[in-house]
Protein backbone atom coordinates (compact mmCIF):
# COMPACT_ATOMS: atom_id res chain seq x y z
CA UNK A 1 -55.30 -58.71 -0.89
CA UNK A 2 -54.78 -56.23 1.96
CA UNK A 3 -56.36 -53.68 3.81
CA UNK A 4 -57.83 -52.85 6.75
CA UNK A 5 -60.04 -54.59 9.20
CA UNK A 6 -63.94 -52.68 8.69
CA UNK A 7 -65.14 -54.26 11.59
CA UNK A 8 -66.34 -52.29 15.07
CA UNK A 9 -63.21 -51.70 17.55
CA UNK A 10 -65.51 -52.72 20.51
CA UNK A 11 -64.80 -56.12 22.34
CA UNK A 12 -62.77 -56.90 18.85
CA UNK A 13 -59.23 -57.71 18.51
CA UNK A 14 -58.06 -55.11 15.38
CA UNK A 15 -54.61 -54.48 12.87
CA UNK A 16 -54.85 -51.12 11.45
CA UNK A 17 -52.64 -50.12 8.75
CA UNK A 18 -52.05 -46.78 6.37
CA UNK A 19 -50.27 -47.06 3.16
CA UNK A 20 -49.22 -43.57 2.87
CA UNK A 21 -45.55 -43.51 3.00
CA UNK A 22 -44.80 -46.04 5.31
CA UNK A 23 -41.34 -47.03 5.57
CA UNK A 24 -40.02 -43.58 4.75
CA UNK A 25 -39.46 -41.63 7.85
CA UNK A 26 -36.84 -41.07 10.18
CA UNK A 27 -36.40 -42.05 13.65
CA UNK A 28 -39.01 -40.27 15.98
CA UNK A 29 -40.80 -39.50 19.14
CA UNK A 30 -42.94 -36.82 20.25
CA UNK A 31 -41.68 -33.13 21.28
CA UNK A 32 -40.18 -33.00 25.03
CA UNK A 33 -42.81 -31.26 27.54
CA UNK A 34 -41.97 -28.30 29.27
CA UNK A 35 -41.92 -30.01 32.58
CA UNK A 36 -41.84 -33.52 34.06
CA UNK A 37 -45.49 -34.80 35.39
CA UNK A 38 -46.18 -35.24 39.03
CA UNK A 39 -45.11 -38.92 40.03
CA UNK A 40 -42.62 -39.49 37.20
CA UNK A 41 -39.49 -40.83 37.93
CA UNK A 42 -37.63 -44.63 38.54
CA UNK A 43 -36.84 -46.71 41.79
CA UNK A 44 -35.67 -50.34 42.08
CA UNK A 45 -37.10 -53.05 44.01
CA UNK A 46 -34.08 -54.74 44.07
CA UNK A 47 -34.84 -57.14 40.83
CA UNK A 48 -36.42 -54.42 38.52
CA UNK A 49 -35.91 -51.30 37.68
CA UNK A 50 -39.69 -49.67 38.12
CA UNK A 51 -40.42 -46.58 36.18
CA UNK A 52 -43.38 -44.52 36.57
CA UNK A 53 -44.61 -42.73 33.25
CA UNK A 54 -45.98 -39.76 35.54
CA UNK A 55 -49.61 -41.06 33.45
CA UNK A 56 -51.48 -44.12 33.91
CA UNK A 57 -48.61 -46.74 33.40
CA UNK A 58 -46.11 -47.96 35.20
CA UNK A 59 -43.57 -50.73 33.81
CA UNK A 60 -40.76 -52.78 35.42
CA UNK A 61 -37.46 -53.82 33.59
CA UNK A 62 -35.33 -56.74 34.88
CA UNK A 63 -32.08 -55.89 36.16
CA UNK A 64 -30.75 -59.05 35.70
CA UNK A 65 -31.43 -59.66 31.40
CA UNK A 66 -33.46 -56.46 30.04
CA UNK A 67 -36.99 -58.35 30.22
CA UNK A 68 -39.83 -56.20 30.36
CA UNK A 69 -41.73 -57.78 33.64
CA UNK A 70 -44.59 -55.94 34.23
CA UNK A 71 -46.75 -53.35 32.72
CA UNK A 72 -49.31 -51.75 34.68
CA UNK A 73 -51.83 -49.64 32.89
CA UNK A 74 -54.44 -47.57 35.06
CA UNK A 75 -53.89 -50.41 37.90
CA UNK A 76 -54.09 -53.70 35.93
CA UNK A 77 -51.24 -55.85 34.81
CA UNK A 78 -51.03 -56.62 31.31
CA UNK A 79 -47.57 -57.97 30.70
CA UNK A 80 -46.94 -61.67 30.89
CA UNK A 81 -48.47 -65.45 29.66
CA UNK A 82 -47.32 -68.92 30.54
CA UNK A 83 -44.80 -67.22 33.03
CA UNK A 84 -42.90 -65.65 30.66
CA UNK A 85 -41.74 -61.58 30.25
CA UNK A 86 -41.63 -59.39 27.22
CA UNK A 87 -38.48 -59.35 25.46
CA UNK A 88 -36.08 -59.85 22.49
CA UNK A 89 -36.60 -63.17 20.84
CA UNK A 90 -37.24 -65.69 23.62
CA UNK A 91 -35.28 -63.98 26.37
CA UNK A 92 -31.69 -62.28 26.40
CA UNK A 93 -28.94 -64.44 29.32
CA UNK A 94 -27.76 -62.42 32.01
CA UNK A 95 -27.01 -58.69 30.96
CA UNK A 96 -25.76 -55.72 32.01
CA UNK A 97 -28.65 -53.16 32.74
CA UNK A 98 -28.44 -49.61 33.44
CA UNK A 99 -30.67 -46.52 33.90
CA UNK A 100 -30.33 -42.76 33.99
CA UNK A 101 -32.95 -39.87 33.90
CA UNK A 102 -32.40 -36.90 31.54
CA UNK A 103 -34.63 -34.55 32.53
CA UNK A 104 -38.38 -35.51 31.12
CA UNK A 105 -36.73 -39.32 29.73
CA UNK A 106 -35.70 -42.06 31.40
CA UNK A 107 -33.54 -44.76 29.51
CA UNK A 108 -33.24 -47.98 30.58
CA UNK A 109 -30.00 -49.32 28.51
CA UNK A 110 -29.28 -53.32 28.05
CA UNK A 111 -26.23 -54.95 27.21
CA UNK A 112 -25.80 -58.57 26.07
CA UNK A 113 -22.70 -59.21 23.89
CA UNK A 114 -22.57 -57.17 20.98
CA UNK A 115 -26.59 -56.58 21.54
CA UNK A 116 -28.01 -53.08 22.92
CA UNK A 117 -31.37 -52.74 23.63
CA UNK A 118 -33.18 -49.77 25.07
CA UNK A 119 -36.56 -48.69 26.37
CA UNK A 120 -37.35 -45.06 27.14
CA UNK A 121 -40.19 -43.68 29.30
CA UNK A 122 -41.50 -39.93 28.49
CA UNK A 123 -42.95 -37.63 31.57
CA UNK A 124 -46.57 -37.95 30.94
CA UNK A 125 -47.23 -40.60 28.56
CA UNK A 126 -48.70 -43.90 28.16
CA UNK A 127 -45.81 -45.11 25.75
CA UNK A 128 -42.83 -47.40 25.89
CA UNK A 129 -40.16 -46.42 23.40
CA UNK A 130 -38.01 -49.27 22.60
CA UNK A 131 -34.75 -49.55 19.81
CA UNK A 132 -32.75 -52.68 19.43
CA UNK A 133 -29.52 -52.55 17.84
CA UNK A 134 -28.03 -55.57 16.73
CA UNK A 135 -24.57 -55.49 15.61
CA UNK A 136 -23.72 -58.91 13.96
CA UNK A 137 -24.59 -62.72 13.61
CA UNK A 138 -23.31 -63.27 17.45
CA UNK A 139 -26.57 -62.63 19.22
CA UNK A 140 -30.48 -63.86 18.12
CA UNK A 141 -32.39 -60.83 18.03
CA UNK A 142 -35.05 -61.31 15.32
CA UNK A 143 -37.94 -60.00 17.11
CA UNK A 144 -39.17 -57.74 20.23
CA UNK A 145 -42.42 -59.70 21.55
CA UNK A 146 -44.87 -58.30 23.91
CA UNK A 147 -46.64 -60.85 25.96
CA UNK A 148 -49.93 -60.21 27.42
CA UNK A 149 -52.30 -61.86 30.05
CA UNK A 150 -55.20 -64.00 29.01
CA UNK A 151 -58.71 -62.98 28.77
CA UNK A 152 -57.88 -59.10 28.88
CA UNK A 153 -58.99 -58.96 25.37
CA UNK A 154 -60.88 -60.71 22.79
CA UNK A 155 -59.55 -64.00 21.17
CA UNK A 156 -60.72 -63.75 17.83
CA UNK A 157 -59.48 -62.71 13.90
CA UNK A 158 -57.69 -64.62 11.83
CA UNK A 159 -54.36 -64.98 13.91
CA UNK A 160 -56.29 -66.10 16.69
CA UNK A 161 -56.84 -70.09 17.97
CA UNK A 162 -57.83 -72.14 21.02
CA UNK A 163 -55.10 -75.36 21.25
CA UNK A 164 -58.02 -77.12 23.69
CA UNK A 165 -60.48 -77.30 20.70
CA UNK A 166 -58.36 -76.42 17.58
CA UNK A 167 -56.24 -79.18 15.99
CA UNK A 168 -52.70 -78.70 14.60
CA UNK A 169 -52.42 -79.34 10.57
CA UNK A 170 -49.30 -77.86 9.70
CA UNK A 171 -45.79 -78.11 11.91
CA UNK A 172 -47.09 -76.82 15.23
CA UNK A 173 -48.26 -73.48 14.22
CA UNK A 174 -51.13 -73.59 11.75
CA UNK A 175 -54.43 -74.88 13.45
CA UNK A 176 -57.84 -75.94 12.10
CA UNK A 177 -61.04 -74.96 14.03
CA UNK A 178 -63.64 -77.21 14.59
CA UNK A 179 -65.79 -75.42 11.83
CA UNK A 180 -62.92 -76.44 9.60
CA UNK A 181 -61.31 -72.62 9.15
CA UNK A 182 -57.60 -71.97 10.10
CA UNK A 183 -55.69 -70.18 11.89
CA UNK A 184 -52.05 -69.29 12.49
CA UNK A 185 -49.59 -66.93 14.02
CA UNK A 186 -48.47 -66.15 10.25
CA UNK A 187 -51.91 -65.39 8.90
CA UNK A 188 -51.79 -61.24 9.33
CA UNK A 189 -53.33 -60.05 6.24
CA UNK A 190 -51.15 -57.06 6.09
CA UNK A 191 -47.91 -56.36 4.25
CA UNK A 192 -45.15 -53.91 6.09
CA UNK A 193 -46.47 -50.61 3.79
CA UNK A 194 -50.23 -51.65 4.96
CA UNK A 195 -49.88 -50.61 8.57
CA UNK A 196 -48.36 -47.90 11.32
CA UNK A 197 -49.33 -50.71 14.43
CA UNK A 198 -51.12 -53.87 15.60
CA UNK A 199 -52.91 -54.27 18.78
CA UNK A 200 -56.15 -55.20 20.74
CA UNK A 201 -58.80 -52.88 21.98
CA UNK A 202 -61.69 -53.88 24.55
CA UNK A 203 -63.01 -50.53 23.44
CA UNK A 204 -61.96 -49.08 26.81
CA UNK A 205 -58.33 -49.57 26.66
CA UNK A 206 -56.03 -50.24 23.69
CA UNK A 207 -52.53 -51.74 24.19
CA UNK A 208 -50.75 -51.64 20.59
CA UNK A 209 -47.19 -52.09 19.43
CA UNK A 210 -46.47 -49.00 16.54
CA UNK A 211 -43.79 -50.05 14.51
CA UNK A 212 -40.46 -48.56 13.59
CA UNK A 213 -39.56 -47.71 10.11
CA UNK A 214 -37.92 -50.99 9.14
CA UNK A 215 -34.80 -49.18 7.61
CA UNK A 216 -32.74 -52.11 9.15
CA UNK A 217 -35.21 -54.88 8.36
CA UNK A 218 -35.37 -57.02 5.33
CA UNK A 219 -38.04 -58.19 2.69
CA UNK A 220 -38.99 -54.52 1.44
CA UNK A 221 -42.26 -52.85 1.68
CA UNK A 222 -44.56 -55.95 0.36
CA UNK A 223 -43.37 -58.36 3.00
CA UNK A 224 -45.47 -60.23 5.28
CA UNK A 225 -43.92 -61.36 8.53
CA UNK A 226 -45.47 -61.86 12.09
CA UNK A 227 -47.68 -59.34 13.64
CA UNK A 228 -49.45 -61.01 16.71
CA UNK A 229 -51.06 -63.86 17.87
CA UNK A 230 -53.45 -64.77 20.51
CA UNK A 231 -54.37 -68.17 22.02
CA UNK A 232 -56.38 -69.44 25.19
CA UNK A 233 -52.94 -68.71 26.85
CA UNK A 234 -52.69 -64.98 26.30
CA UNK A 235 -51.63 -63.00 23.51
CA UNK A 236 -48.44 -61.43 21.77
CA UNK A 237 -47.70 -58.30 19.71
CA UNK A 238 -44.81 -58.55 17.39
CA UNK A 239 -41.89 -55.91 16.15
CA UNK A 240 -40.23 -58.12 13.78
CA UNK A 241 -36.53 -57.24 13.61
CA UNK A 242 -35.47 -59.52 11.02
CA UNK A 243 -37.97 -62.87 9.91
CA UNK A 244 -36.64 -65.67 7.79
CA UNK A 245 -39.60 -67.27 6.75
CA UNK A 246 -39.79 -66.44 2.66
CA UNK A 247 -37.39 -63.72 3.27
CA UNK A 248 -35.59 -62.36 -0.27
CA UNK A 249 -32.69 -60.62 1.16
CA UNK A 250 -30.00 -60.82 3.60
CA UNK A 251 -30.22 -59.87 7.47
CA UNK A 252 -29.18 -56.13 8.07
CA UNK A 253 -27.62 -55.26 11.17
CA UNK A 254 -27.62 -51.91 13.03
CA UNK A 255 -30.29 -50.12 15.17
CA UNK A 256 -34.04 -50.60 15.00
CA UNK A 257 -36.45 -48.02 16.02
CA UNK A 258 -38.06 -46.52 17.85
CA UNK A 259 -41.20 -48.93 18.15
CA UNK A 260 -43.67 -47.81 20.83
CA UNK A 261 -45.97 -50.13 22.86
CA UNK A 262 -48.74 -47.42 23.34
CA UNK A 263 -51.79 -47.56 25.61
CA UNK A 264 -54.66 -45.50 25.12
CA UNK A 265 -58.37 -45.20 26.22
CA UNK A 266 -59.35 -47.69 23.81
CA UNK A 267 -58.72 -45.55 20.45
CA UNK A 268 -55.89 -45.95 18.20
CA UNK A 269 -52.75 -45.11 19.36
CA UNK A 270 -52.14 -41.12 18.17
CA UNK A 271 -50.41 -40.82 14.90
CA UNK A 272 -48.34 -38.51 16.66
CA UNK A 273 -46.10 -41.93 17.08
CA UNK A 274 -46.06 -43.25 13.92
CA UNK A 275 -42.71 -43.31 12.29
CA UNK A 276 -43.22 -40.70 9.34
CA UNK A 277 -44.66 -37.81 11.65
CA UNK A 278 -42.34 -37.53 14.37
CA UNK A 279 -38.96 -35.60 15.29
CA UNK A 280 -36.47 -37.02 17.25
CA UNK A 281 -34.85 -34.19 19.11
CA UNK A 282 -35.72 -35.56 22.62
CA UNK A 283 -33.55 -38.97 22.05
CA UNK A 284 -30.66 -37.22 20.36
CA UNK A 285 -28.59 -37.13 23.07
CA UNK A 286 -29.71 -39.91 24.79
CA UNK A 287 -26.26 -42.23 23.97
CA UNK A 288 -27.90 -44.64 22.00
CA UNK A 289 -25.63 -46.85 20.32
CA UNK A 290 -25.86 -46.84 16.23
CA UNK A 291 -28.40 -43.39 16.67
CA UNK A 292 -28.20 -41.27 13.63
CA UNK A 293 -29.97 -37.61 14.29
CA UNK A 294 -31.97 -35.92 11.30
CA UNK A 295 -28.91 -33.89 10.87
CA UNK A 296 -27.22 -37.06 9.50
CA UNK A 297 -29.60 -38.23 6.84
CA UNK A 298 -30.66 -37.35 3.70
CA UNK A 299 -33.83 -37.36 1.26
CA UNK A 300 -34.93 -38.37 -1.66
CA UNK A 301 -37.35 -36.79 -3.93
CA UNK A 302 -38.55 -37.75 -7.62
CA UNK A 303 -40.63 -35.35 -9.96
CA UNK A 304 -42.36 -37.80 -11.36
CA UNK A 305 -42.74 -41.37 -13.15
CA UNK A 306 -43.65 -41.72 -16.75
CA UNK A 307 -44.85 -45.25 -18.48
CA UNK A 308 -47.26 -45.98 -15.27
CA UNK A 309 -50.48 -48.08 -15.88
CA UNK A 310 -53.03 -45.66 -13.67
CA UNK A 311 -54.98 -48.47 -12.66
CA UNK A 312 -51.85 -49.72 -10.66
CA UNK A 313 -50.52 -48.05 -7.35
CA UNK A 314 -46.81 -47.50 -7.84
CA UNK A 315 -44.22 -47.47 -4.97
CA UNK A 316 -40.50 -46.73 -5.21
CA UNK A 317 -37.98 -48.53 -2.92
CA UNK A 318 -34.56 -48.09 -1.50
CA UNK A 319 -32.27 -50.67 -0.66
CA UNK A 320 -28.81 -51.70 -0.20
CA UNK A 321 -27.29 -54.19 2.04
CA UNK A 322 -27.23 -51.62 5.13
CA UNK A 323 -30.96 -49.84 5.09
CA UNK A 324 -34.06 -50.00 3.03
CA UNK A 325 -36.81 -47.46 2.32
CA UNK A 326 -40.05 -47.03 0.43
CA UNK A 327 -42.59 -44.08 -0.37
CA UNK A 328 -45.80 -44.13 -2.58
CA UNK A 329 -45.60 -42.29 -6.00
CA UNK A 330 -48.76 -39.72 -6.33
CA UNK A 331 -51.30 -41.39 -8.55
CA UNK A 332 -51.62 -37.90 -10.59
CA UNK A 333 -48.26 -37.90 -11.50
CA UNK A 334 -45.56 -40.44 -10.01
CA UNK A 335 -43.99 -37.60 -7.39
CA UNK A 336 -42.29 -39.57 -4.59
CA UNK A 337 -40.32 -38.67 -1.73
CA UNK A 338 -38.37 -40.27 0.93
CA UNK A 339 -37.02 -38.84 4.27
CA UNK A 340 -34.52 -39.78 7.05
CA UNK A 341 -32.30 -41.85 4.29
CA UNK A 342 -28.98 -42.84 5.83
CA UNK A 343 -26.23 -41.56 3.58
CA UNK A 344 -25.12 -43.89 0.80
CA UNK A 345 -25.85 -45.77 -2.55
CA UNK A 346 -28.83 -47.66 -2.93
CA UNK A 347 -30.80 -49.32 -5.76
CA UNK A 348 -33.70 -47.63 -6.76
CA UNK A 349 -36.68 -49.73 -7.75
CA UNK A 350 -40.08 -48.48 -9.11
CA UNK A 351 -42.56 -50.94 -8.50
CA UNK A 352 -45.87 -51.55 -10.55
CA UNK A 353 -48.28 -53.33 -7.47
CA UNK A 354 -45.40 -55.61 -6.51
CA UNK A 355 -44.02 -55.79 -9.73
CA UNK A 356 -40.07 -54.12 -10.43
CA UNK A 357 -40.51 -52.56 -13.75
CA UNK A 358 -37.49 -50.01 -13.14
CA UNK A 359 -34.26 -49.74 -11.48
CA UNK A 360 -31.54 -47.23 -11.14
CA UNK A 361 -28.78 -45.87 -8.60
CA UNK A 362 -29.43 -43.28 -6.48
CA UNK A 363 -26.87 -41.63 -3.93
CA UNK A 364 -27.83 -39.86 -0.77
CA UNK A 365 -25.72 -37.28 1.48
CA UNK A 366 -26.21 -36.20 5.19
CA UNK A 367 -28.46 -33.25 5.34
CA UNK A 368 -29.25 -32.80 1.58
CA UNK A 369 -31.71 -33.70 -0.96
CA UNK A 370 -31.39 -35.52 -4.13
CA UNK A 371 -33.84 -34.93 -6.79
CA UNK A 372 -34.53 -37.00 -9.38
CA UNK A 373 -35.58 -35.63 -12.89
CA UNK A 374 -38.89 -37.77 -14.31
CA UNK A 375 -38.32 -41.61 -14.37
CA UNK A 376 -39.33 -42.96 -17.47
CA UNK A 377 -40.40 -46.77 -17.37
CA UNK A 378 -39.65 -48.46 -20.85
CA UNK A 379 -42.40 -50.06 -22.31
CA UNK A 380 -40.79 -53.14 -22.38
CA UNK A 381 -40.04 -53.51 -19.09
CA UNK A 382 -43.86 -53.92 -18.24
CA UNK A 383 -44.82 -57.16 -19.42
CA UNK A 384 -48.27 -56.12 -19.63
CA UNK A 385 -47.39 -54.03 -22.69
CA UNK A 386 -46.69 -57.15 -25.06
CA UNK A 387 -49.44 -58.08 -27.56
CA UNK A 388 -50.94 -61.34 -26.57
CA UNK A 389 -53.28 -63.54 -27.93
CA UNK A 390 -54.59 -64.08 -24.70
CA UNK A 391 -53.42 -63.20 -21.20
CA UNK A 392 -55.00 -64.69 -17.90
CA UNK A 393 -54.38 -62.41 -14.99
CA UNK A 394 -51.97 -59.15 -15.06
CA UNK A 395 -48.58 -58.48 -15.00
CA UNK A 396 -48.55 -56.80 -11.46
CA UNK A 397 -46.13 -58.88 -9.23
CA UNK A 398 -49.49 -60.89 -7.17
CA UNK A 399 -51.78 -63.61 -7.66
CA UNK A 400 -54.53 -61.00 -7.01
CA UNK A 401 -57.65 -61.81 -9.18
CA UNK A 402 -57.04 -65.54 -9.44
CA UNK A 403 -58.92 -67.97 -7.42
CA UNK A 404 -58.65 -68.19 -3.45
CA UNK A 405 -55.57 -65.33 -3.81
CA UNK A 406 -57.42 -62.89 -1.09
CA UNK A 407 -58.12 -65.72 1.14
CA UNK A 408 -54.57 -67.08 0.75
CA UNK A 409 -53.09 -63.91 3.11
CA UNK A 410 -54.95 -65.29 6.02
CA UNK A 411 -55.64 -68.64 5.73
CA UNK A 412 -54.13 -72.13 4.87
CA UNK A 413 -54.84 -73.96 1.46
CA UNK A 414 -56.78 -76.54 2.95
CA UNK A 415 -59.26 -74.03 4.87
CA UNK A 416 -62.76 -74.68 4.38
CA UNK A 417 -63.41 -71.26 2.50
CA UNK A 418 -61.36 -72.21 -0.05
CA UNK A 419 -62.95 -72.90 -3.62
CA UNK A 420 -61.93 -76.22 -5.12
CA UNK A 421 -57.99 -75.89 -6.41
CA UNK A 422 -58.70 -78.11 -9.39
CA UNK A 423 -60.92 -76.96 -12.30
CA UNK A 424 -60.06 -76.38 -15.77
CA UNK A 425 -60.10 -73.00 -17.56
CA UNK A 426 -61.34 -71.69 -21.01
CA UNK A 427 -59.93 -68.80 -22.74
CA UNK A 428 -63.20 -66.55 -23.74
CA UNK A 429 -65.41 -67.97 -20.86
CA UNK A 430 -64.90 -64.42 -18.96
CA UNK A 431 -64.06 -66.25 -16.04
CA UNK A 432 -60.51 -67.16 -16.97
CA UNK A 433 -58.68 -65.32 -13.97
CA UNK A 434 -61.09 -66.21 -11.57
CA UNK A 435 -61.21 -69.70 -12.30
CA UNK A 436 -57.65 -70.04 -12.26
CA UNK A 437 -55.67 -71.16 -9.07
CA UNK A 438 -53.61 -68.52 -7.32
CA UNK A 439 -50.97 -71.56 -6.49
CA UNK A 440 -50.21 -74.72 -8.11
CA UNK A 441 -48.80 -77.93 -6.05
CA UNK A 442 -47.44 -80.91 -7.58
CA UNK A 443 -49.46 -83.05 -5.33
CA UNK A 444 -52.72 -80.83 -5.26
CA UNK A 445 -53.58 -79.47 -8.68
CA UNK A 446 -50.69 -80.37 -11.01
CA UNK A 447 -52.30 -81.21 -14.76
CA UNK A 448 -54.47 -78.07 -14.88
CA UNK A 449 -55.93 -77.51 -18.26
CA UNK A 450 -56.52 -74.65 -20.45
CA UNK A 451 -58.35 -74.60 -23.74
CA UNK A 452 -58.11 -72.28 -26.36
CA UNK A 453 -58.73 -71.82 -29.90
CA UNK A 454 -56.71 -70.15 -32.48
CA UNK A 455 -57.17 -68.40 -36.00
CA UNK A 456 -55.55 -70.47 -39.06
CA UNK A 457 -52.90 -67.52 -39.28
CA UNK A 458 -52.06 -67.71 -35.34
CA UNK A 459 -51.83 -71.74 -35.55
CA UNK A 460 -49.45 -71.34 -38.85
CA UNK A 461 -46.88 -69.87 -36.73
CA UNK A 462 -44.83 -70.37 -33.46
CA UNK A 463 -45.52 -68.39 -30.24
CA UNK A 464 -44.06 -67.67 -26.79
CA UNK A 465 -45.96 -68.94 -23.63
CA UNK A 466 -45.25 -66.71 -20.86
CA UNK A 467 -46.25 -67.82 -17.18
CA UNK A 468 -44.90 -65.18 -14.42
CA UNK A 469 -44.23 -66.45 -10.68
CA UNK A 470 -44.21 -64.82 -7.32
CA UNK A 471 -42.64 -67.29 -5.10
CA UNK A 472 -42.28 -70.80 -5.26
CA UNK A 473 -41.73 -73.74 -2.45
CA UNK A 474 -39.42 -76.98 -2.80
CA UNK A 475 -38.44 -75.23 -6.30
CA UNK A 476 -41.78 -75.92 -7.69
CA UNK A 477 -41.79 -75.00 -11.63
CA UNK A 478 -43.93 -75.15 -14.31
CA UNK A 479 -43.39 -77.66 -17.18
CA UNK A 480 -46.02 -77.23 -20.19
CA UNK A 481 -47.42 -79.93 -22.51
CA UNK A 482 -49.59 -79.04 -25.63
CA UNK A 483 -51.96 -80.81 -27.41
CA UNK A 484 -50.27 -84.26 -25.82
CA UNK A 485 -47.72 -83.79 -28.58
CA UNK A 486 -45.10 -81.35 -27.51
CA UNK A 487 -43.57 -81.04 -24.31
CA UNK A 488 -41.13 -78.35 -23.11
CA UNK A 489 -37.70 -79.03 -20.97
CA UNK A 490 -37.76 -78.83 -17.33
CA UNK A 491 -36.73 -75.24 -16.51
CA UNK A 492 -34.25 -74.56 -13.54
CA UNK A 493 -35.55 -73.29 -10.97
CA UNK A 494 -35.23 -69.71 -10.15
CA UNK A 495 -33.85 -68.50 -6.93
CA UNK A 496 -36.51 -68.25 -4.34
CA UNK A 497 -36.79 -68.88 -0.34
CA UNK A 498 -36.32 -71.91 0.81
CA UNK A 499 -38.92 -71.98 3.73
CA UNK A 500 -42.95 -72.09 3.82
CA UNK A 501 -44.56 -69.67 1.84
CA UNK A 502 -47.84 -71.03 0.41
CA UNK A 503 -48.98 -72.20 3.77
CA UNK A 504 -48.04 -69.76 5.72
CA UNK A 505 -50.14 -66.61 4.27
CA UNK A 506 -47.04 -65.35 1.99
CA UNK A 507 -46.91 -65.48 -1.58
CA UNK A 508 -44.02 -62.37 -1.95
CA UNK A 509 -40.55 -64.12 -3.26
CA UNK A 510 -38.92 -63.31 -6.14
CA UNK A 511 -40.96 -62.49 -9.07
CA UNK A 512 -39.73 -64.54 -12.26
CA UNK A 513 -41.03 -65.37 -15.67
CA UNK A 514 -40.58 -68.55 -17.55
CA UNK A 515 -40.50 -68.40 -21.30
CA UNK A 516 -41.86 -71.17 -23.51
CA UNK A 517 -41.17 -71.28 -27.26
CA UNK A 518 -43.78 -73.31 -28.82
CA UNK A 519 -43.45 -74.62 -32.51
CA UNK A 520 -46.26 -74.23 -34.77
CA UNK A 521 -46.06 -77.74 -35.57
CA UNK A 522 -47.95 -77.92 -31.69
CA UNK A 523 -50.99 -76.42 -32.43
CA UNK A 524 -54.20 -77.80 -34.42
CA UNK A 525 -55.23 -76.58 -37.79
CA UNK A 526 -58.72 -76.78 -37.17
CA UNK A 527 -59.67 -73.50 -35.87
CA UNK A 528 -63.19 -75.13 -34.59
CA UNK A 529 -61.17 -77.24 -31.95
CA UNK A 530 -59.85 -76.15 -28.58
CA UNK A 531 -56.09 -76.56 -28.44
CA UNK A 532 -55.30 -77.45 -24.82
CA UNK A 533 -52.53 -76.49 -22.66
CA UNK A 534 -51.16 -78.47 -19.53
CA UNK A 535 -49.52 -77.15 -16.94
CA UNK A 536 -47.48 -79.45 -14.39
CA UNK A 537 -45.64 -78.57 -11.14
CA UNK A 538 -42.20 -80.29 -11.48
CA UNK A 539 -39.85 -80.77 -8.34
CA UNK A 540 -37.82 -83.37 -7.03
CA UNK A 541 -38.16 -81.84 -3.67
CA UNK A 542 -40.91 -81.07 -1.29
CA UNK A 543 -43.21 -83.60 0.65
CA UNK A 544 -46.92 -84.16 -0.06
CA UNK A 545 -49.99 -82.22 -0.30
CA UNK A 546 -49.79 -78.55 0.42
CA UNK A 547 -46.31 -78.95 1.28
CA UNK A 548 -45.46 -80.78 -2.06
CA UNK A 549 -43.59 -78.21 -4.53
CA UNK A 550 -45.94 -75.43 -5.56
CA UNK A 551 -45.63 -71.64 -7.13
CA UNK A 552 -47.64 -68.67 -7.09
CA UNK A 553 -49.34 -67.66 -10.19
CA UNK A 554 -48.84 -63.40 -11.30
CA UNK A 555 -49.97 -63.76 -15.08
CA UNK A 556 -50.05 -66.61 -17.86
CA UNK A 557 -50.11 -65.28 -21.53
CA UNK A 558 -49.64 -66.76 -25.06
CA UNK A 559 -47.93 -63.77 -27.19
CA UNK A 560 -48.43 -62.43 -31.08
């Protein structure tokens, strides 16, 4: 469903990610240098503080509102398109902006109501370090966007469009190109766990946003959010502090960062900037609101996980109302470790793929390691362990393997690359999963048929049918009919995000299993005939076509 872009870097925009222990490290930055580089310092041009890093980067911060008004790297201005600066959300109002230099670090502080935002420069580095502390809901601060001039980087990839040639097909943010393929700022391919940075490269200049550890973000390791966009007017790179689209958790408040605007000579940003590789000693004494040093944090280490299906990757997550973390479980034994965790009591969840299969409670203390004995996933917690007459897909919390599933993280369902969303399924054909559509909609492919045979013994007994879903739009949920003689009741809708999902590249919601008890009287007694299962999508909400009520499929099975 996700991964790195294998195409050459030169003259291509790209997103690159790593999944190893993403999201688990403490706030960080490189070690202090022995002395300030020549030229390092700041000045005041009347409207802005002008910061020279002493390397190849000079940037400006507005003294009025804290906008980043200039990014000059090797003499070229990169900041700005359509007259807009780089800033929090769509820009703050009049703010209190101050600056100070402490040895080899310069810190710009921005105060706007209860919000605090910071820019830091380190002597001799081509980086801008940023922190944002949103204390409450009184100030809108859900993203930082770096706005880049047009024509400096190639306009390509799934998050790129050209409004002069492409047509809007949904809301004001999904476009169809003349060749029928689709583009949107939503179509990143990647989950948070999959990447450390996003950006662009010409082959000789690279400009990236290196993400923070997202401890104060929401949605967990598998969440998809805006990463970047590119159109004929310019380009944008995001650090999303909170994004409401298809969001499964409330907003968390507090300090997020550092995240980094990093320039390179065309290659990837140094891994020393990644949140799981850095120390923070140089930032400890800067006075950043909400900042917690490494000594004020703890660690969680798990000996291992038993009861795993070794054909799947396992991820362990920690979450409470204040923070979230995650780490990958080692494939050999399930060992995991998460460092830089704020003190508190968390719900620990073991994920098979993206499906939560085990939970417990963990308490973390500052300066200490909480060591967990081997976690055993109860067999009954993994629905794949249930004996089934037949099964379509497998239970991993994703629609992986179903028709069009891979495409849907970077394209609209109407994209010309998508296979037909209609078409029936025959159990025993060998293509049950690949021919079953990843998504079902009330207006598009409701009424899908599944054909299957039963033995005489199977037809003489009642059975349970399970349909697992990963999210739903407009309360879409399945109602089933068997052989046109037995119809289930309409199930209640489970709790799911209320925004768009299936059309903006996201299947990640709240995994839920619908169970239907089918009586023996519903089956055909002639074992040579196919039983026919009809799956309808029902809801009183939604509009039409791909914005009609719909749902994403995890797995379907008929239990013995």
